[in-house]
Amino acid sequence: MHDSNCHIPDCKAKPYAPAGTRSVCKDHFLNFLTWRRRRGPQMFHKYAAMTMDERDTIAAEWQKTLRLDEVPTASKANL
């Protein structure tokens, strides 16, 4: 987890937490958690037991659900 920016394209926010083997900003991390929760309570237990490659697959699946207008701007990210 040595990324200098959020892994989401066009997001310039600082990394906050991991999503798979990449780092995402706080807004995207919370979105990732919400997305996983919506997939069912078993997702949290299943995700914890996954290998990093499997987690990357889940994170990539989540990333496809993001809309471009959900990406925080640089000014919003620095608040």
PDB file of N, CA and C in Angstrom:
ATOM      1  N   MET A   1       0.839  -1.183   0.000  1.00  0.00           N
ATOM      2  CA  MET A   1       0.000   0.000   0.000  1.00  0.00           C
ATOM      3  C   MET A   1       0.881   1.241   0.000  1.00  0.00           C
ATOM      4  N   HIS A   2       1.518   1.502  -1.115  1.00  0.00           N
ATOM      5  CA  HIS A   2       2.413   2.639  -1.236  1.00  0.00           C
ATOM      6  C   HIS A   2       1.976   3.593  -2.324  1.00  0.00           C
ATOM      7  N   ASP A   3       0.701   3.595  -2.646  1.00  0.00           N
ATOM      8  CA  ASP A   3       0.199   4.486  -3.683  1.00  0.00           C
ATOM      9  C   ASP A   3       0.248   5.929  -3.187  1.00  0.00           C
ATOM     10  N   SER A   4       0.497   6.859  -4.103  1.00  0.00           N
ATOM     11  CA  SER A   4       0.522   8.272  -3.723  1.00  0.00           C
ATOM     12  C   SER A   4      -0.825   8.930  -3.948  1.00  0.00           C
ATOM     13  N   ASN A   5      -1.667   8.324  -4.777  1.00  0.00           N
ATOM     14  CA  ASN A   5      -3.026   8.813  -5.026  1.00  0.00           C
ATOM     15  C   ASN A   5      -3.992   7.644  -4.951  1.00  0.00           C
ATOM     16  N   CYS A   6      -5.250   7.973  -4.840  1.00  0.00           N
ATOM     17  CA  CYS A   6      -6.307   6.971  -4.870  1.00  0.00           C
ATOM     18  C   CYS A   6      -6.198   6.173  -6.174  1.00  0.00           C
ATOM     19  N   HIS A   7      -6.478   4.887  -6.107  1.00  0.00           N
ATOM     20  CA  HIS A   7      -6.370   3.995  -7.265  1.00  0.00           C
ATOM     21  C   HIS A   7      -7.431   4.278  -8.333  1.00  0.00           C
ATOM     22  N   ILE A   8      -8.525   4.919  -7.971  1.00  0.00           N
ATOM     23  CA  ILE A   8      -9.610   5.186  -8.913  1.00  0.00           C
ATOM     24  C   ILE A   8      -9.140   6.231  -9.925  1.00  0.00           C
ATOM     25  N   PRO A   9      -9.317   5.961 -11.228  1.00  0.00           N
ATOM     26  CA  PRO A   9      -8.876   6.921 -12.254  1.00  0.00           C
ATOM     27  C   PRO A   9      -9.475   8.311 -12.041  1.00  0.00           C
ATOM     28  N   ASP A  10      -8.678   9.323 -12.246  1.00  0.00           N
ATOM     29  CA  ASP A  10      -9.048  10.735 -12.129  1.00  0.00           C
ATOM     30  C   ASP A  10      -9.302  11.194 -10.696  1.00  0.00           C
ATOM     31  N   CYS A  11      -9.067  10.370  -9.705  1.00  0.00           N
ATOM     32  CA  CYS A  11      -9.219  10.786  -8.311  1.00  0.00           C
ATOM     33  C   CYS A  11      -7.831  11.156  -7.795  1.00  0.00           C
ATOM     34  N   LYS A  12      -7.692  12.357  -7.301  1.00  0.00           N
ATOM     35  CA  LYS A  12      -6.401  12.854  -6.835  1.00  0.00           C
ATOM     36  C   LYS A  12      -6.281  12.853  -5.316  1.00  0.00           C
ATOM     37  N   ALA A  13      -7.250  12.266  -4.633  1.00  0.00           N
ATOM     38  CA  ALA A  13      -7.237  12.250  -3.170  1.00  0.00           C
ATOM     39  C   ALA A  13      -6.125  11.342  -2.643  1.00  0.00           C
ATOM     40  N   LYS A  14      -5.739  11.598  -1.406  1.00  0.00           N
ATOM     41  CA  LYS A  14      -4.699  10.797  -0.767  1.00  0.00           C
ATOM     42  C   LYS A  14      -5.248   9.421  -0.416  1.00  0.00           C
ATOM     43  N   PRO A  15      -4.408   8.400  -0.473  1.00  0.00           N
ATOM     44  CA  PRO A  15      -4.851   7.050  -0.089  1.00  0.00           C
ATOM     45  C   PRO A  15      -5.270   7.011   1.383  1.00  0.00           C
ATOM     46  N   TYR A  16      -6.279   6.224   1.653  1.00  0.00           N
ATOM     47  CA  TYR A  16      -6.800   6.122   3.018  1.00  0.00           C
ATOM     48  C   TYR A  16      -6.759   4.678   3.521  1.00  0.00           C
ATOM     49  N   ALA A  17      -7.194   3.743   2.668  1.00  0.00           N
ATOM     50  CA  ALA A  17      -7.286   2.347   3.090  1.00  0.00           C
ATOM     51  C   ALA A  17      -7.177   1.439   1.868  1.00  0.00           C
ATOM     52  N   PRO A  18      -6.886   0.163   2.108  1.00  0.00           N
ATOM     53  CA  PRO A  18      -6.756  -0.763   0.977  1.00  0.00           C
ATOM     54  C   PRO A  18      -8.102  -1.212   0.410  1.00  0.00           C
ATOM     55  N   ALA A  19      -8.092  -1.470  -0.881  1.00  0.00           N
ATOM     56  CA  ALA A  19      -9.192  -2.138  -1.579  1.00  0.00           C
ATOM     57  C   ALA A  19      -8.491  -3.168  -2.452  1.00  0.00           C
ATOM     58  N   GLY A  20      -8.388  -4.371  -1.967  1.00  0.00           N
ATOM     59  CA  GLY A  20      -7.538  -5.362  -2.625  1.00  0.00           C
ATOM     60  C   GLY A  20      -6.096  -5.016  -2.305  1.00  0.00           C
ATOM     61  N   THR A  21      -5.238  -5.019  -3.310  1.00  0.00           N
ATOM     62  CA  THR A  21      -3.831  -4.665  -3.086  1.00  0.00           C
ATOM     63  C   THR A  21      -3.549  -3.207  -3.406  1.00  0.00           C
ATOM     64  N   ARG A  22      -4.550  -2.461  -3.788  1.00  0.00           N
ATOM     65  CA  ARG A  22      -4.400  -1.035  -4.098  1.00  0.00           C
ATOM     66  C   ARG A  22      -4.985  -0.190  -2.973  1.00  0.00           C
ATOM     67  N   SER A  23      -4.708   1.105  -2.991  1.00  0.00           N
ATOM     68  CA  SER A  23      -5.216   2.025  -1.986  1.00  0.00           C
ATOM     69  C   SER A  23      -6.252   2.951  -2.598  1.00  0.00           C
ATOM     70  N   VAL A  24      -7.264   3.275  -1.802  1.00  0.00           N
ATOM     71  CA  VAL A  24      -8.290   4.210  -2.250  1.00  0.00           C
ATOM     72  C   VAL A  24      -8.468   5.286  -1.187  1.00  0.00           C
ATOM     73  N   CYS A  25      -9.049   6.413  -1.596  1.00  0.00           N
ATOM     74  CA  CYS A  25      -9.292   7.515  -0.668  1.00  0.00           C
ATOM     75  C   CYS A  25     -10.441   7.146   0.277  1.00  0.00           C
ATOM     76  N   LYS A  26     -10.670   7.983   1.257  1.00  0.00           N
ATOM     77  CA  LYS A  26     -11.697   7.700   2.259  1.00  0.00           C
ATOM     78  C   LYS A  26     -13.083   7.589   1.631  1.00  0.00           C
ATOM     79  N   ASP A  27     -13.432   8.503   0.730  1.00  0.00           N
ATOM     80  CA  ASP A  27     -14.754   8.465   0.087  1.00  0.00           C
ATOM     81  C   ASP A  27     -14.958   7.160  -0.675  1.00  0.00           C
ATOM     82  N   HIS A  28     -13.963   6.751  -1.429  1.00  0.00           N
ATOM     83  CA  HIS A  28     -14.088   5.512  -2.193  1.00  0.00           C
ATOM     84  C   HIS A  28     -14.058   4.281  -1.284  1.00  0.00           C
ATOM     85  N   PHE A  29     -13.309   4.335  -0.200  1.00  0.00           N
ATOM     86  CA  PHE A  29     -13.285   3.214   0.732  1.00  0.00           C
ATOM     87  C   PHE A  29     -14.656   3.013   1.363  1.00  0.00           C
ATOM     88  N   LEU A  30     -15.287   4.110   1.778  1.00  0.00           N
ATOM     89  CA  LEU A  30     -16.629   4.004   2.358  1.00  0.00           C
ATOM     90  C   LEU A  30     -17.628   3.490   1.324  1.00  0.00           C
ATOM     91  N   ASN A  31     -17.463   3.927   0.073  1.00  0.00           N
ATOM     92  CA  ASN A  31     -18.313   3.428  -1.005  1.00  0.00           C
ATOM     93  C   ASN A  31     -18.095   1.934  -1.209  1.00  0.00           C
ATOM     94  N   PHE A  32     -16.856   1.488  -1.135  1.00  0.00           N
ATOM     95  CA  PHE A  32     -16.508   0.078  -1.282  1.00  0.00           C
ATOM     96  C   PHE A  32     -17.151  -0.756  -0.161  1.00  0.00           C
ATOM     97  N   LEU A  33     -17.077  -0.255   1.068  1.00  0.00           N
ATOM     98  CA  LEU A  33     -17.695  -0.963   2.190  1.00  0.00           C
ATOM     99  C   LEU A  33     -19.203  -1.058   2.023  1.00  0.00           C
ATOM    100  N   THR A  34     -19.826   0.033   1.597  1.00  0.00           N
ATOM    101  CA  THR A  34     -21.277   0.045   1.375  1.00  0.00           C
ATOM    102  C   THR A  34     -21.657  -0.943   0.288  1.00  0.00           C
ATOM    103  N   TRP A  35     -20.895  -0.965  -0.787  1.00  0.00           N
ATOM    104  CA  TRP A  35     -21.154  -1.891  -1.894  1.00  0.00           C
ATOM    105  C   TRP A  35     -21.058  -3.335  -1.411  1.00  0.00           C
ATOM    106  N   ARG A  36     -20.039  -3.623  -0.612  1.00  0.00           N
ATOM    107  CA  ARG A  36     -19.886  -4.987  -0.089  1.00  0.00           C
ATOM    108  C   ARG A  36     -21.032  -5.341   0.854  1.00  0.00           C
ATOM    109  N   ARG A  37     -21.465  -4.397   1.680  1.00  0.00           N
ATOM    110  CA  ARG A  37     -22.575  -4.645   2.608  1.00  0.00           C
ATOM    111  C   ARG A  37     -23.859  -4.947   1.839  1.00  0.00           C
ATOM    112  N   ARG A  38     -24.074  -4.249   0.744  1.00  0.00           N
ATOM    113  CA  ARG A  38     -25.272  -4.479  -0.064  1.00  0.00           C
ATOM    114  C   ARG A  38     -25.274  -5.857  -0.707  1.00  0.00           C
ATOM    115  N   ARG A  39     -24.121  -6.427  -0.872  1.00  0.00           N
ATOM    116  CA  ARG A  39     -24.029  -7.770  -1.456  1.00  0.00           C
ATOM    117  C   ARG A  39     -24.350  -8.848  -0.433  1.00  0.00           C
ATOM    118  N   GLY A  40     -24.541  -8.486   0.813  1.00  0.00           N
ATOM    119  CA  GLY A  40     -24.945  -9.428   1.851  1.00  0.00           C
ATOM    120  C   GLY A  40     -23.932  -9.515   2.973  1.00  0.00           C
ATOM    121  N   PRO A  41     -24.402  -9.868   4.165  1.00  0.00           N
ATOM    122  CA  PRO A  41     -23.504  -9.927   5.325  1.00  0.00           C
ATOM    123  C   PRO A  41     -22.388 -10.965   5.185  1.00  0.00           C
ATOM    124  N   GLN A  42     -22.628 -12.001   4.422  1.00  0.00           N
ATOM    125  CA  GLN A  42     -21.602 -13.021   4.251  1.00  0.00           C
ATOM    126  C   GLN A  42     -20.390 -12.493   3.486  1.00  0.00           C
ATOM    127  N   MET A  43     -20.560 -11.394   2.737  1.00  0.00           N
ATOM    128  CA  MET A  43     -19.444 -10.834   1.965  1.00  0.00           C
ATOM    129  C   MET A  43     -18.307 -10.391   2.887  1.00  0.00           C
ATOM    130  N   PHE A  44     -18.616  -9.841   4.064  1.00  0.00           N
ATOM    131  CA  PHE A  44     -17.556  -9.406   4.965  1.00  0.00           C
ATOM    132  C   PHE A  44     -16.734 -10.592   5.460  1.00  0.00           C
ATOM    133  N   HIS A  45     -17.384 -11.676   5.808  1.00  0.00           N
ATOM    134  CA  HIS A  45     -16.657 -12.866   6.265  1.00  0.00           C
ATOM    135  C   HIS A  45     -15.884 -13.496   5.117  1.00  0.00           C
ATOM    136  N   LYS A  46     -16.523 -13.562   3.969  1.00  0.00           N
ATOM    137  CA  LYS A  46     -15.879 -14.154   2.793  1.00  0.00           C
ATOM    138  C   LYS A  46     -14.663 -13.322   2.372  1.00  0.00           C
ATOM    139  N   TYR A  47     -14.816 -11.989   2.353  1.00  0.00           N
ATOM    140  CA  TYR A  47     -13.736 -11.096   1.937  1.00  0.00           C
ATOM    141  C   TYR A  47     -12.531 -11.244   2.861  1.00  0.00           C
ATOM    142  N   ALA A  48     -12.775 -11.368   4.154  1.00  0.00           N
ATOM    143  CA  ALA A  48     -11.681 -11.492   5.121  1.00  0.00           C
ATOM    144  C   ALA A  48     -10.858 -12.757   4.883  1.00  0.00           C
ATOM    145  N   ALA A  49     -11.486 -13.790   4.359  1.00  0.00           N
ATOM    146  CA  ALA A  49     -10.792 -15.065   4.139  1.00  0.00           C
ATOM    147  C   ALA A  49     -10.184 -15.181   2.739  1.00  0.00           C
ATOM    148  N   MET A  50     -10.386 -14.175   1.894  1.00  0.00           N
ATOM    149  CA  MET A  50      -9.894 -14.234   0.510  1.00  0.00           C
ATOM    150  C   MET A  50      -8.401 -13.970   0.417  1.00  0.00           C
ATOM    151  N   THR A  51      -7.793 -14.511  -0.639  1.00  0.00           N
ATOM    152  CA  THR A  51      -6.411 -14.177  -0.954  1.00  0.00           C
ATOM    153  C   THR A  51      -6.383 -12.782  -1.572  1.00  0.00           C
ATOM    154  N   MET A  52      -5.223 -12.200  -1.700  1.00  0.00           N
ATOM    155  CA  MET A  52      -5.123 -10.856  -2.277  1.00  0.00           C
ATOM    156  C   MET A  52      -5.582 -10.840  -3.735  1.00  0.00           C
ATOM    157  N   ASP A  53      -5.296 -11.887  -4.483  1.00  0.00           N
ATOM    158  CA  ASP A  53      -5.765 -11.952  -5.874  1.00  0.00           C
ATOM    159  C   ASP A  53      -7.285 -11.960  -5.939  1.00  0.00           C
ATOM    160  N   GLU A  54      -7.920 -12.698  -5.032  1.00  0.00           N
ATOM    161  CA  GLU A  54      -9.384 -12.734  -4.989  1.00  0.00           C
ATOM    162  C   GLU A  54      -9.942 -11.379  -4.575  1.00  0.00           C
ATOM    163  N   ARG A  55      -9.279 -10.714  -3.639  1.00  0.00           N
ATOM    164  CA  ARG A  55      -9.720  -9.378  -3.217  1.00  0.00           C
ATOM    165  C   ARG A  55      -9.599  -8.377  -4.365  1.00  0.00           C
ATOM    166  N   ASP A  56      -8.534  -8.502  -5.155  1.00  0.00           N
ATOM    167  CA  ASP A  56      -8.381  -7.617  -6.320  1.00  0.00           C
ATOM    168  C   ASP A  56      -9.532  -7.809  -7.302  1.00  0.00           C
ATOM    169  N   THR A  57      -9.986  -9.046  -7.463  1.00  0.00           N
ATOM    170  CA  THR A  57     -11.106  -9.331  -8.352  1.00  0.00           C
ATOM    171  C   THR A  57     -12.374  -8.648  -7.845  1.00  0.00           C
ATOM    172  N   ILE A  58     -12.616  -8.719  -6.540  1.00  0.00           N
ATOM    173  CA  ILE A  58     -13.787  -8.073  -5.943  1.00  0.00           C
ATOM    174  C   ILE A  58     -13.676  -6.553  -6.083  1.00  0.00           C
ATOM    175  N   ALA A  59     -12.501  -6.002  -5.824  1.00  0.00           N
ATOM    176  CA  ALA A  59     -12.295  -4.557  -5.946  1.00  0.00           C
ATOM    177  C   ALA A  59     -12.482  -4.107  -7.393  1.00  0.00           C
ATOM    178  N   ALA A  60     -12.031  -4.903  -8.349  1.00  0.00           N
ATOM    179  CA  ALA A  60     -12.214  -4.555  -9.763  1.00  0.00           C
ATOM    180  C   ALA A  60     -13.695  -4.589 -10.140  1.00  0.00           C
ATOM    181  N   GLU A  61     -14.418  -5.555  -9.597  1.00  0.00           N
ATOM    182  CA  GLU A  61     -15.860  -5.642  -9.847  1.00  0.00           C
ATOM    183  C   GLU A  61     -16.568  -4.403  -9.291  1.00  0.00           C
ATOM    184  N   TRP A  62     -16.188  -3.984  -8.078  1.00  0.00           N
ATOM    185  CA  TRP A  62     -16.758  -2.785  -7.473  1.00  0.00           C
ATOM    186  C   TRP A  62     -16.413  -1.545  -8.295  1.00  0.00           C
ATOM    187  N   GLN A  63     -15.168  -1.456  -8.753  1.00  0.00           N
ATOM    188  CA  GLN A  63     -14.718  -0.276  -9.495  1.00  0.00           C
ATOM    189  C   GLN A  63     -15.547  -0.077 -10.761  1.00  0.00           C
ATOM    190  N   LYS A  64     -16.008  -1.153 -11.375  1.00  0.00           N
ATOM    191  CA  LYS A  64     -16.840  -1.047 -12.578  1.00  0.00           C
ATOM    192  C   LYS A  64     -18.189  -0.402 -12.287  1.00  0.00           C
ATOM    193  N   THR A  65     -18.614  -0.421 -11.020  1.00  0.00           N
ATOM    194  CA  THR A  65     -19.915   0.154 -10.665  1.00  0.00           C
ATOM    195  C   THR A  65     -19.846   1.650 -10.405  1.00  0.00           C
ATOM    196  N   LEU A  66     -18.638   2.207 -10.302  1.00  0.00           N
ATOM    197  CA  LEU A  66     -18.485   3.635 -10.018  1.00  0.00           C
ATOM    198  C   LEU A  66     -18.812   4.473 -11.245  1.00  0.00           C
ATOM    199  N   ARG A  67     -19.452   5.586 -10.994  1.00  0.00           N
ATOM    200  CA  ARG A  67     -19.714   6.546 -12.064  1.00  0.00           C
ATOM    201  C   ARG A  67     -18.639   7.625 -12.000  1.00  0.00           C
ATOM    202  N   LEU A  68     -18.328   8.211 -13.141  1.00  0.00           N
ATOM    203  CA  LEU A  68     -17.288   9.233 -13.206  1.00  0.00           C
ATOM    204  C   LEU A  68     -17.622  10.434 -12.329  1.00  0.00           C
ATOM    205  N   ASP A  69     -18.905  10.789 -12.214  1.00  0.00           N
ATOM    206  CA  ASP A  69     -19.272  11.948 -11.406  1.00  0.00           C
ATOM    207  C   ASP A  69     -19.172  11.677  -9.902  1.00  0.00           C
ATOM    208  N   GLU A  70     -18.892  10.442  -9.503  1.00  0.00           N
ATOM    209  CA  GLU A  70     -18.699  10.119  -8.096  1.00  0.00           C
ATOM    210  C   GLU A  70     -17.260  10.329  -7.643  1.00  0.00           C
ATOM    211  N   VAL A  71     -16.354  10.548  -8.578  1.00  0.00           N
ATOM    212  CA  VAL A  71     -14.949  10.732  -8.229  1.00  0.00           C
ATOM    213  C   VAL A  71     -14.756  12.107  -7.615  1.00  0.00           C
ATOM    214  N   PRO A  72     -14.211  12.182  -6.379  1.00  0.00           N
ATOM    215  CA  PRO A  72     -14.013  13.479  -5.745  1.00  0.00           C
ATOM    216  C   PRO A  72     -13.008  14.330  -6.496  1.00  0.00           C
ATOM    217  N   THR A  73     -13.248  15.614  -6.535  1.00  0.00           N
ATOM    218  CA  THR A  73     -12.303  16.531  -7.184  1.00  0.00           C
ATOM    219  C   THR A  73     -11.135  16.787  -6.241  1.00  0.00           C
ATOM    220  N   ALA A  74     -10.072  17.366  -6.761  1.00  0.00           N
ATOM    221  CA  ALA A  74      -8.885  17.636  -5.941  1.00  0.00           C
ATOM    222  C   ALA A  74      -9.208  18.597  -4.800  1.00  0.00           C
ATOM    223  N   SER A  75     -10.040  19.619  -5.061  1.00  0.00           N
ATOM    224  CA  SER A  75     -10.387  20.577  -4.000  1.00  0.00           C
ATOM    225  C   SER A  75     -11.225  19.917  -2.926  1.00  0.00           C
ATOM    226  N   LYS A  76     -12.136  19.029  -3.315  1.00  0.00           N
ATOM    227  CA  LYS A  76     -12.959  18.315  -2.355  1.00  0.00           C
ATOM    228  C   LYS A  76     -12.113  17.328  -1.552  1.00  0.00           C
ATOM    229  N   ALA A  77     -11.135  16.722  -2.196  1.00  0.00           N
ATOM    230  CA  ALA A  77     -10.295  15.722  -1.537  1.00  0.00           C
ATOM    231  C   ALA A  77      -9.380  16.349  -0.490  1.00  0.00           C
ATOM    232  N   ASN A  78      -9.042  17.619  -0.626  1.00  0.00           N
ATOM    233  CA  ASN A  78      -8.120  18.276   0.301  1.00  0.00           C
ATOM    234  C   ASN A  78      -8.807  18.866   1.505  1.00  0.00           C
ATOM    235  N   LEU A  79     -10.133  18.759   1.593  1.00  0.00           N
ATOM    236  CA  LEU A  79     -10.856  19.342   2.732  1.00  0.00           C
ATOM    237  C   LEU A  79     -10.644  18.566   3.994  1.00  0.00           C
TER     238      LEU A  79
END
